[in-house]
Protein backbone atom coordinates (compact mmCIF):
# COMPACT_ATOMS: atom_id res chain seq x y z
CA MET A 1 109.66 82.51 80.44
CA THR A 2 107.94 80.53 83.27
CA LYS A 3 104.72 80.79 84.72
CA PRO A 4 104.61 82.49 88.21
CA GLU A 5 103.26 80.03 90.91
CA THR A 6 99.71 80.65 91.98
CA PHE A 7 97.66 79.44 94.74
CA SER A 8 94.25 77.81 94.37
CA SER A 9 91.61 80.59 94.15
CA SER A 10 89.88 78.82 97.16
CA VAL A 11 92.90 79.12 99.65
CA ILE A 12 93.33 82.97 98.46
CA ALA A 13 89.52 83.71 98.70
CA LEU A 14 89.26 82.21 102.01
CA ALA A 15 92.48 83.72 103.44
CA LEU A 16 91.32 87.26 102.26
CA LEU A 17 87.67 86.85 103.39
CA GLY A 18 88.97 85.55 106.58
CA LEU A 19 90.97 88.72 106.87
CA ALA A 20 88.10 90.90 106.00
CA SER A 21 85.64 89.08 108.64
CA SER A 22 88.27 89.51 111.51
CA LEU A 23 89.00 93.17 110.46
CA ALA A 24 85.40 94.02 110.00
CA ALA A 25 84.18 92.48 113.44
CA PRO A 26 84.37 95.26 116.38
CA CYS A 27 86.25 94.70 119.11
CA LEU A 28 84.02 93.46 122.10
CA ALA A 29 86.16 94.60 124.93
CA GLU A 30 86.14 98.19 125.87
CA PRO A 31 89.79 99.77 125.81
CA LYS A 32 91.10 101.15 129.12
CA ILE A 33 91.87 104.78 129.27
CA ASP A 34 95.62 104.22 129.12
CA ASP A 35 95.26 101.82 126.10
CA ASP A 36 93.37 104.38 124.19
CA LYS A 37 96.51 105.30 121.88
CA GLU A 38 97.35 101.52 121.36
CA PHE A 39 93.86 100.64 120.42
CA ALA A 40 93.48 103.68 118.12
CA ALA A 41 96.70 102.64 116.54
CA LEU A 42 95.50 98.97 116.35
CA GLN A 43 92.17 100.13 114.59
CA ALA A 44 93.82 102.41 112.36
CA ASP A 45 96.17 99.38 111.13
CA ALA A 46 93.19 97.11 110.72
CA LYS A 47 91.24 99.84 108.53
CA LYS A 48 94.43 100.14 106.65
CA SER A 49 95.11 96.75 105.78
CA PHE A 50 91.28 96.15 104.81
CA LYS A 51 91.61 99.33 102.77
CA ASP A 52 94.79 98.12 100.89
CA GLY A 53 94.45 94.57 100.98
CA VAL A 54 91.02 93.16 101.08
CA ALA A 55 88.87 95.94 99.48
CA PRO A 56 90.91 95.87 96.30
CA PHE A 57 90.71 91.99 95.95
CA VAL A 58 87.05 91.90 96.42
CA LYS A 59 86.37 94.80 94.00
CA THR A 60 88.56 93.12 91.38
CA TYR A 61 87.27 89.46 91.86
CA CYS A 62 83.73 89.66 93.56
CA THR A 63 81.76 92.79 92.73
CA ASN A 64 80.98 91.76 89.15
CA CYS A 65 78.65 89.20 90.31
CA HIS A 66 78.09 90.45 93.95
CA GLY A 67 77.53 94.16 93.46
CA SER A 68 74.83 96.72 92.84
CA LYS A 69 74.20 95.55 89.32
CA LYS A 70 74.24 91.85 90.08
CA ARG A 71 73.47 90.36 93.53
CA LYS A 72 73.98 86.50 93.01
CA GLY A 73 73.35 84.61 96.09
CA GLY A 74 71.79 87.79 97.64
CA LEU A 75 75.29 89.39 98.23
CA ASN A 76 76.26 92.97 97.36
CA PHE A 77 79.82 93.70 98.57
CA GLU A 78 79.70 97.39 97.58
CA ALA A 79 77.94 98.35 100.77
CA ALA A 80 80.07 95.96 102.72
CA LEU A 81 83.20 97.64 101.17
CA LYS A 82 82.10 101.07 102.48
CA LYS A 83 81.04 100.08 106.06
CA PRO A 84 82.95 96.79 106.73
CA GLY A 85 82.15 96.69 110.38
CA ASN A 86 78.31 97.29 110.60
CA THR A 87 76.05 94.58 111.36
CA THR A 88 74.90 93.85 107.80
CA SER A 89 78.29 93.86 106.48
CA ARG A 90 79.44 91.12 108.99
CA ARG A 91 76.86 89.05 108.11
CA GLN A 92 77.70 89.31 104.52
CA TRP A 93 81.38 88.72 105.20
CA LYS A 94 80.43 85.49 107.35
CA GLN A 95 78.33 84.25 104.72
CA ALA A 96 81.15 84.69 102.04
CA VAL A 97 83.61 82.96 104.21
CA ALA A 98 81.07 80.18 104.49
CA ASN A 99 80.57 79.79 100.86
CA VAL A 100 84.18 79.76 100.44
CA LYS A 101 84.83 77.16 102.98
CA ALA A 102 82.20 74.97 101.33
CA HIS A 103 83.83 75.49 97.83
CA ASP A 104 80.85 77.22 96.57
CA MET A 105 82.99 80.29 95.86
CA PRO A 106 84.96 81.09 93.83
CA PRO A 107 83.31 79.37 90.65
CA ASP A 108 85.52 76.94 89.24
CA ASP A 109 85.19 78.62 85.76
CA GLU A 110 86.44 81.91 87.55
CA ASP A 111 89.98 82.89 86.14
CA LEU A 112 91.86 83.92 89.28
CA SER A 113 95.46 82.84 87.72
CA LEU A 114 96.38 86.42 87.92
CA ILE A 115 96.36 86.44 91.92
CA HIS A 116 99.97 85.99 93.28
CA ILE A 117 100.99 85.79 96.77
């Protein structure tokens, strides 16, 4: 039996948190009336991607240390998962992405070997 290939935890976390950050940020341009349907479809797709991809990852690998019971580094992702686009959540996602880019997260001893892309 061969071991499935895995990516480094930093690459995976960075990719998912980057996606979360981009999905959580509101669109700064106001949609035109003609574009309302397209805008609504894009917004629905972004919410579905966040709900189906980012939220389960963060719940599985992050909320044990960054949830309501523990708030390591002052981060509680449970609220950010419920309202990913609000101002406080955007700050948390940006801080999380910065921590991943700086290789502060995830910890080296964290077992993320089950992640497959």
